[in-house]
C-alpha atoms as a PDB file:
ATOM      1  CA  UNK A   1     -81.092   4.490 -17.775  1.00  0.00           C
ATOM      2  CA  UNK A   2     -77.767   6.321 -18.083  1.00  0.00           C
ATOM      3  CA  UNK A   3     -75.718   6.688 -21.338  1.00  0.00           C
ATOM      4  CA  UNK A   4     -72.208   5.133 -21.757  1.00  0.00           C
ATOM      5  CA  UNK A   5     -69.271   7.298 -20.694  1.00  0.00           C
ATOM      6  CA  UNK A   6     -67.910   7.809 -24.203  1.00  0.00           C
ATOM      7  CA  UNK A   7     -66.153  11.160 -23.539  1.00  0.00           C
ATOM      8  CA  UNK A   8     -63.931   9.512 -20.891  1.00  0.00           C
ATOM      9  CA  UNK A   9     -62.953   6.752 -23.319  1.00  0.00           C
ATOM     10  CA  UNK A  10     -62.182   9.364 -25.955  1.00  0.00           C
ATOM     11  CA  UNK A  11     -59.991  11.273 -23.524  1.00  0.00           C
ATOM     12  CA  UNK A  12     -57.992   8.075 -22.930  1.00  0.00           C
ATOM     13  CA  UNK A  13     -57.423   7.596 -26.656  1.00  0.00           C
ATOM     14  CA  UNK A  14     -56.233  11.187 -27.000  1.00  0.00           C
ATOM     15  CA  UNK A  15     -53.727  10.670 -24.190  1.00  0.00           C
ATOM     16  CA  UNK A  16     -52.319   7.540 -25.781  1.00  0.00           C
ATOM     17  CA  UNK A  17     -52.123   9.270 -29.168  1.00  0.00           C
ATOM     18  CA  UNK A  18     -50.306  12.235 -27.611  1.00  0.00           C
ATOM     19  CA  UNK A  19     -47.797   9.940 -25.907  1.00  0.00           C
ATOM     20  CA  UNK A  20     -47.152   8.065 -29.149  1.00  0.00           C
ATOM     21  CA  UNK A  21     -46.627  11.344 -31.035  1.00  0.00           C
ATOM     22  CA  UNK A  22     -44.277  12.553 -28.296  1.00  0.00           C
ATOM     23  CA  UNK A  23     -42.301   9.342 -28.571  1.00  0.00           C
ATOM     24  CA  UNK A  24     -42.079   9.687 -32.369  1.00  0.00           C
ATOM     25  CA  UNK A  25     -40.941  13.306 -32.077  1.00  0.00           C
ATOM     26  CA  UNK A  26     -38.321  12.328 -29.495  1.00  0.00           C
ATOM     27  CA  UNK A  27     -36.958   9.591 -31.768  1.00  0.00           C
ATOM     28  CA  UNK A  28     -36.842  12.031 -34.689  1.00  0.00           C
ATOM     29  CA  UNK A  29     -35.041  14.630 -32.543  1.00  0.00           C
ATOM     30  CA  UNK A  30     -32.427  12.090 -31.401  1.00  0.00           C
ATOM     31  CA  UNK A  31     -31.951  10.850 -34.977  1.00  0.00           C
ATOM     32  CA  UNK A  32     -31.553  14.432 -36.206  1.00  0.00           C
ATOM     33  CA  UNK A  33     -28.984  15.192 -33.517  1.00  0.00           C
ATOM     34  CA  UNK A  34     -27.002  12.055 -34.373  1.00  0.00           C
ATOM     35  CA  UNK A  35     -27.118  12.927 -38.065  1.00  0.00           C
ATOM     36  CA  UNK A  36     -25.829  16.427 -37.345  1.00  0.00           C
ATOM     37  CA  UNK A  37     -23.018  15.077 -35.154  1.00  0.00           C
ATOM     38  CA  UNK A  38     -22.022  12.472 -37.743  1.00  0.00           C
ATOM     39  CA  UNK A  39     -22.115  15.055 -40.534  1.00  0.00           C
ATOM     40  CA  UNK A  40     -19.881  17.367 -38.530  1.00  0.00           C
ATOM     41  CA  UNK A  41     -17.499  14.497 -37.801  1.00  0.00           C
ATOM     42  CA  UNK A  42     -17.385  13.486 -41.471  1.00  0.00           C
ATOM     43  CA  UNK A  43     -16.749  17.084 -42.533  1.00  0.00           C
ATOM     44  CA  UNK A  44     -13.962  17.397 -39.963  1.00  0.00           C
ATOM     45  CA  UNK A  45     -12.362  14.131 -41.101  1.00  0.00           C
ATOM     46  CA  UNK A  46     -12.572  15.184 -44.759  1.00  0.00           C
ATOM     47  CA  UNK A  47     -11.030  18.566 -43.965  1.00  0.00           C
ATOM     48  CA  UNK A  48      -8.226  16.858 -42.054  1.00  0.00           C
ATOM     49  CA  UNK A  49      -7.589  14.469 -44.946  1.00  0.00           C
ATOM     50  CA  UNK A  50      -7.539  17.361 -47.432  1.00  0.00           C
ATOM     51  CA  UNK A  51      -4.979  19.063 -45.198  1.00  0.00           C
ATOM     52  CA  UNK A  52      -2.819  15.930 -45.219  1.00  0.00           C
ATOM     53  CA  UNK A  53      -3.096  15.656 -49.020  1.00  0.00           C
ATOM     54  CA  UNK A  54      -1.936  19.253 -49.452  1.00  0.00           C
ATOM     55  CA  UNK A  55       0.965  18.656 -47.059  1.00  0.00           C
ATOM     56  CA  UNK A  56       2.040  15.528 -48.980  1.00  0.00           C
ATOM     57  CA  UNK A  57       1.886  17.440 -52.271  1.00  0.00           C
ATOM     58  CA  UNK A  58       4.092  20.151 -50.776  1.00  0.00           C
ATOM     59  CA  UNK A  59       6.565  17.458 -49.667  1.00  0.00           C
ATOM     60  CA  UNK A  60       6.736  16.118 -53.235  1.00  0.00           C
ATOM     61  CA  UNK A  61       7.542  19.622 -54.476  1.00  0.00           C
ATOM     62  CA  UNK A  62      10.183  20.051 -51.782  1.00  0.00           C
ATOM     63  CA  UNK A  63      11.787  16.744 -52.775  1.00  0.00           C
ATOM     64  CA  UNK A  64      11.888  17.831 -56.429  1.00  0.00           C
ATOM     65  CA  UNK A  65      13.661  21.021 -55.380  1.00  0.00           C
ATOM     66  CA  UNK A  66      16.008  18.916 -53.238  1.00  0.00           C
ATOM     67  CA  UNK A  67      16.885  16.862 -56.343  1.00  0.00           C
ATOM     68  CA  UNK A  68      17.040  19.728 -58.815  1.00  0.00           C
ATOM     69  CA  UNK A  69      18.920  22.087 -56.537  1.00  0.00           C
ATOM     70  CA  UNK A  70      18.233  25.351 -54.723  1.00  0.00           C
ATOM     71  CA  UNK A  71      20.388  27.937 -53.024  1.00  0.00           C
ATOM     72  CA  UNK A  72      20.438  26.524 -49.504  1.00  0.00           C
ATOM     73  CA  UNK A  73      23.021  25.797 -46.836  1.00  0.00           C
ATOM     74  CA  UNK A  74      22.382  22.043 -46.935  1.00  0.00           C
ATOM     75  CA  UNK A  75      21.764  21.699 -50.679  1.00  0.00           C
ATOM     76  CA  UNK A  76      22.777  18.234 -51.905  1.00  0.00           C
ATOM     77  CA  UNK A  77      21.684  18.399 -55.535  1.00  0.00           C
ATOM     78  CA  UNK A  78      25.036  17.031 -56.723  1.00  0.00           C
ATOM     79  CA  UNK A  79      24.019  13.595 -55.417  1.00  0.00           C
ATOM     80  CA  UNK A  80      21.211  13.325 -57.937  1.00  0.00           C
ATOM     81  CA  UNK A  81      22.889  13.359 -61.334  1.00  0.00           C
ATOM     82  CA  UNK A  82      20.600  11.446 -63.653  1.00  0.00           C
ATOM     83  CA  UNK A  83      23.352  10.036 -65.894  1.00  0.00           C
ATOM     84  CA  UNK A  84      26.059   9.588 -63.290  1.00  0.00           C
ATOM     85  CA  UNK A  85      24.564   9.583 -59.783  1.00  0.00           C
ATOM     86  CA  UNK A  86      26.498   8.681 -56.673  1.00  0.00           C
ATOM     87  CA  UNK A  87      24.547   5.594 -55.621  1.00  0.00           C
ATOM     88  CA  UNK A  88      26.577   4.861 -52.482  1.00  0.00           C
ATOM     89  CA  UNK A  89      24.382   6.989 -50.156  1.00  0.00           C
ATOM     90  CA  UNK A  90      21.253   5.172 -51.393  1.00  0.00           C
ATOM     91  CA  UNK A  91      21.296   2.270 -48.942  1.00  0.00           C
ATOM     92  CA  UNK A  92      18.929  -0.563 -48.123  1.00  0.00           C
ATOM     93  CA  UNK A  93      16.403   0.513 -45.528  1.00  0.00           C
ATOM     94  CA  UNK A  94      17.093   4.226 -46.215  1.00  0.00           C
ATOM     95  CA  UNK A  95      19.913   6.422 -44.951  1.00  0.00           C
ATOM     96  CA  UNK A  96      20.107   8.934 -42.116  1.00  0.00           C
ATOM     97  CA  UNK A  97      22.165  12.055 -41.485  1.00  0.00           C
ATOM     98  CA  UNK A  98      21.529  15.715 -42.269  1.00  0.00           C
ATOM     99  CA  UNK A  99      24.814  17.515 -41.649  1.00  0.00           C
ATOM    100  CA  UNK A 100      26.904  18.852 -44.566  1.00  0.00           C
ATOM    101  CA  UNK A 101      29.121  16.097 -45.899  1.00  0.00           C
ATOM    102  CA  UNK A 102      26.765  13.382 -44.646  1.00  0.00           C
ATOM    103  CA  UNK A 103      23.486  14.792 -45.907  1.00  0.00           C
ATOM    104  CA  UNK A 104      22.112  11.413 -46.893  1.00  0.00           C
ATOM    105  CA  UNK A 105      18.862  11.305 -44.961  1.00  0.00           C
ATOM    106  CA  UNK A 106      15.972   9.747 -46.874  1.00  0.00           C
ATOM    107  CA  UNK A 107      18.142   8.238 -49.629  1.00  0.00           C
ATOM    108  CA  UNK A 108      17.000   4.660 -50.196  1.00  0.00           C
ATOM    109  CA  UNK A 109      18.109   1.826 -52.447  1.00  0.00           C
ATOM    110  CA  UNK A 110      15.119   0.708 -54.482  1.00  0.00           C
ATOM    111  CA  UNK A 111      13.630  -2.630 -53.463  1.00  0.00           C
ATOM    112  CA  UNK A 112      13.257  -4.893 -56.504  1.00  0.00           C
ATOM    113  CA  UNK A 113      11.346  -7.586 -54.643  1.00  0.00           C
ATOM    114  CA  UNK A 114       9.923  -7.743 -51.159  1.00  0.00           C
ATOM    115  CA  UNK A 115       8.467  -5.067 -48.907  1.00  0.00           C
ATOM    116  CA  UNK A 116       8.916  -1.583 -50.416  1.00  0.00           C
ATOM    117  CA  UNK A 117      10.716   1.112 -48.470  1.00  0.00           C
ATOM    118  CA  UNK A 118       7.625   3.234 -47.928  1.00  0.00           C
ATOM    119  CA  UNK A 119       6.062   0.411 -45.914  1.00  0.00           C
ATOM    120  CA  UNK A 120       9.044   0.006 -43.582  1.00  0.00           C
ATOM    121  CA  UNK A 121      10.081   3.625 -43.012  1.00  0.00           C
ATOM    122  CA  UNK A 122       8.514   5.415 -40.040  1.00  0.00           C
ATOM    123  CA  UNK A 123       7.539   8.745 -41.577  1.00  0.00           C
ATOM    124  CA  UNK A 124       6.505  10.088 -38.183  1.00  0.00           C
ATOM    125  CA  UNK A 125       9.996   9.706 -36.692  1.00  0.00           C
ATOM    126  CA  UNK A 126      11.908  12.946 -36.209  1.00  0.00           C
ATOM    127  CA  UNK A 127      15.527  13.879 -35.595  1.00  0.00           C
ATOM    128  CA  UNK A 128      18.818  13.069 -37.299  1.00  0.00           C
ATOM    129  CA  UNK A 129      18.178   9.325 -36.985  1.00  0.00           C
ATOM    130  CA  UNK A 130      14.929   9.567 -38.920  1.00  0.00           C
ATOM    131  CA  UNK A 131      15.043   7.886 -42.309  1.00  0.00           C
ATOM    132  CA  UNK A 132      12.574  10.277 -43.956  1.00  0.00           C
ATOM    133  CA  UNK A 133      13.406  13.904 -44.754  1.00  0.00           C
ATOM    134  CA  UNK A 134      11.390  16.660 -43.106  1.00  0.00           C
ATOM    135  CA  UNK A 135      10.140  19.418 -45.386  1.00  0.00           C
ATOM    136  CA  UNK A 136      12.736  22.141 -45.892  1.00  0.00           C
ATOM    137  CA  UNK A 137      15.706  20.205 -44.465  1.00  0.00           C
ATOM    138  CA  UNK A 138      17.767  20.501 -47.664  1.00  0.00           C
ATOM    139  CA  UNK A 139      15.948  23.376 -49.369  1.00  0.00           C
ATOM    140  CA  UNK A 140      15.588  25.874 -46.542  1.00  0.00           C
ATOM    141  CA  UNK A 141      11.863  26.254 -47.239  1.00  0.00           C
ATOM    142  CA  UNK A 142       9.366  26.856 -44.447  1.00  0.00           C
ATOM    143  CA  UNK A 143       6.127  25.010 -43.762  1.00  0.00           C
ATOM    144  CA  UNK A 144       3.661  26.130 -41.061  1.00  0.00           C
ATOM    145  CA  UNK A 145       2.591  23.569 -38.469  1.00  0.00           C
ATOM    146  CA  UNK A 146       0.738  23.721 -35.163  1.00  0.00           C
ATOM    147  CA  UNK A 147      -0.064  21.181 -32.444  1.00  0.00           C
ATOM    148  CA  UNK A 148      -3.713  22.258 -32.517  1.00  0.00           C
ATOM    149  CA  UNK A 149      -5.935  24.153 -34.915  1.00  0.00           C
ATOM    150  CA  UNK A 150      -6.274  24.097 -38.692  1.00  0.00           C
ATOM    151  CA  UNK A 151      -2.615  23.518 -39.605  1.00  0.00           C
ATOM    152  CA  UNK A 152      -0.807  20.185 -40.008  1.00  0.00           C
ATOM    153  CA  UNK A 153       0.386  18.841 -36.685  1.00  0.00           C
ATOM    154  CA  UNK A 154       3.775  17.799 -38.123  1.00  0.00           C
ATOM    155  CA  UNK A 155       6.027  18.541 -41.081  1.00  0.00           C
ATOM    156  CA  UNK A 156       5.465  16.351 -44.140  1.00  0.00           C
ATOM    157  CA  UNK A 157       8.347  14.013 -44.934  1.00  0.00           C
ATOM    158  CA  UNK A 158       9.700  12.117 -47.933  1.00  0.00           C
ATOM    159  CA  UNK A 159      12.175   9.494 -49.154  1.00  0.00           C
ATOM    160  CA  UNK A 160      13.952   9.260 -52.540  1.00  0.00           C
ATOM    161  CA  UNK A 161      14.909   6.159 -54.526  1.00  0.00           C
ATOM    162  CA  UNK A 162      16.939   5.982 -57.769  1.00  0.00           C
ATOM    163  CA  UNK A 163      15.150   3.995 -60.477  1.00  0.00           C
ATOM    164  CA  UNK A 164      16.851   2.963 -63.716  1.00  0.00           C
ATOM    165  CA  UNK A 165      15.132   4.615 -66.652  1.00  0.00           C
ATOM    166  CA  UNK A 166      14.035   1.778 -68.919  1.00  0.00           C
ATOM    167  CA  UNK A 167      12.213   3.892 -71.472  1.00  0.00           C
ATOM    168  CA  UNK A 168      13.321   3.259 -75.101  1.00  0.00           C
ATOM    169  CA  UNK A 169      16.772   4.704 -75.766  1.00  0.00           C
ATOM    170  CA  UNK A 170      17.179   6.048 -72.235  1.00  0.00           C
ATOM    171  CA  UNK A 171      19.874   3.690 -70.955  1.00  0.00           C
ATOM    172  CA  UNK A 172      21.348   0.263 -71.132  1.00  0.00           C
ATOM    173  CA  UNK A 173      22.673   0.396 -74.697  1.00  0.00           C
ATOM    174  CA  UNK A 174      26.433   0.035 -75.281  1.00  0.00           C
ATOM    175  CA  UNK A 175      26.683   3.642 -76.414  1.00  0.00           C
ATOM    176  CA  UNK A 176      24.669   5.197 -73.591  1.00  0.00           C
ATOM    177  CA  UNK A 177      25.287   5.346 -69.843  1.00  0.00           C
ATOM    178  CA  UNK A 178      22.716   4.056 -67.392  1.00  0.00           C
ATOM    179  CA  UNK A 179      20.231   6.839 -66.724  1.00  0.00           C
ATOM    180  CA  UNK A 180      18.251   7.184 -63.506  1.00  0.00           C
ATOM    181  CA  UNK A 181      15.061   8.899 -62.529  1.00  0.00           C
ATOM    182  CA  UNK A 182      14.061   9.356 -58.914  1.00  0.00           C
ATOM    183  CA  UNK A 183      10.989   7.999 -57.186  1.00  0.00           C
ATOM    184  CA  UNK A 184       9.749  10.202 -54.373  1.00  0.00           C
ATOM    185  CA  UNK A 185       7.371   8.948 -51.707  1.00  0.00           C
ATOM    186  CA  UNK A 186       5.922  11.599 -49.415  1.00  0.00           C
ATOM    187  CA  UNK A 187       3.641  11.534 -46.406  1.00  0.00           C
ATOM    188  CA  UNK A 188       1.569  14.455 -45.168  1.00  0.00           C
ATOM    189  CA  UNK A 189      -0.162  14.804 -41.806  1.00  0.00           C
ATOM    190  CA  UNK A 190      -3.432  16.436 -40.907  1.00  0.00           C
ATOM    191  CA  UNK A 191      -4.232  18.494 -37.838  1.00  0.00           C
ATOM    192  CA  UNK A 192      -4.491  15.089 -36.184  1.00  0.00           C
ATOM    193  CA  UNK A 193      -1.224  13.175 -36.588  1.00  0.00           C
ATOM    194  CA  UNK A 194      -3.253   9.986 -37.031  1.00  0.00           C
ATOM    195  CA  UNK A 195      -4.542  11.426 -40.323  1.00  0.00           C
ATOM    196  CA  UNK A 196      -1.894  10.552 -42.906  1.00  0.00           C
ATOM    197  CA  UNK A 197      -1.796  10.599 -46.690  1.00  0.00           C
ATOM    198  CA  UNK A 198       0.984   9.083 -48.806  1.00  0.00           C
ATOM    199  CA  UNK A 199       1.696  10.255 -52.355  1.00  0.00           C
ATOM    200  CA  UNK A 200       4.302   9.184 -54.879  1.00  0.00           C
ATOM    201  CA  UNK A 201       5.857  10.725 -57.980  1.00  0.00           C
ATOM    202  CA  UNK A 202       8.763  10.215 -60.380  1.00  0.00           C
ATOM    203  CA  UNK A 203      11.189  13.019 -61.171  1.00  0.00           C
ATOM    204  CA  UNK A 204      13.851  13.332 -63.852  1.00  0.00           C
ATOM    205  CA  UNK A 205      16.550  15.866 -63.010  1.00  0.00           C
ATOM    206  CA  UNK A 206      17.258  18.485 -65.628  1.00  0.00           C
ATOM    207  CA  UNK A 207      21.031  18.407 -66.062  1.00  0.00           C
END
């Protein structure tokens, strides 16, 4: 009487176990690869957003220098007097024009109700007909950009709106003129132009 063929049955179980382990290892390898790819993508997106934030912050600084005044060919600081500003260039929908004498680009009348200017202005538009000011246009400052790589793909841009200062004693009394501060809205771009960050600040010009 012969004994059962147990070794053969055992070899079959080992084969199945090996295949299951191989399948588990393959799934783990694929999951690990996807995790690494997603982590790299997230890091790249975060780096691009940080780049856009820095560009927008630089645009805010450039706008403040535009308002306050710098030694530059196209300086237009005289338009931004806090106590007696020339409000004519600040038009609904934002102004255009960069040449001396008509350097009104990016000057916007504040919207009291309705859609704010920063939602209607195309900050990616370039050229003299653009309604947002490119970095350095009226200050002469330089900002590095590049179509590819680790630099912003486009210059950051900004718009400026005059806002009546309603703080106590600032304006509106019979003995005091109306005083304005200026709201600046800036947009910065990442290495990918689709990556955009918008920042906003208020600036009071030192007379």
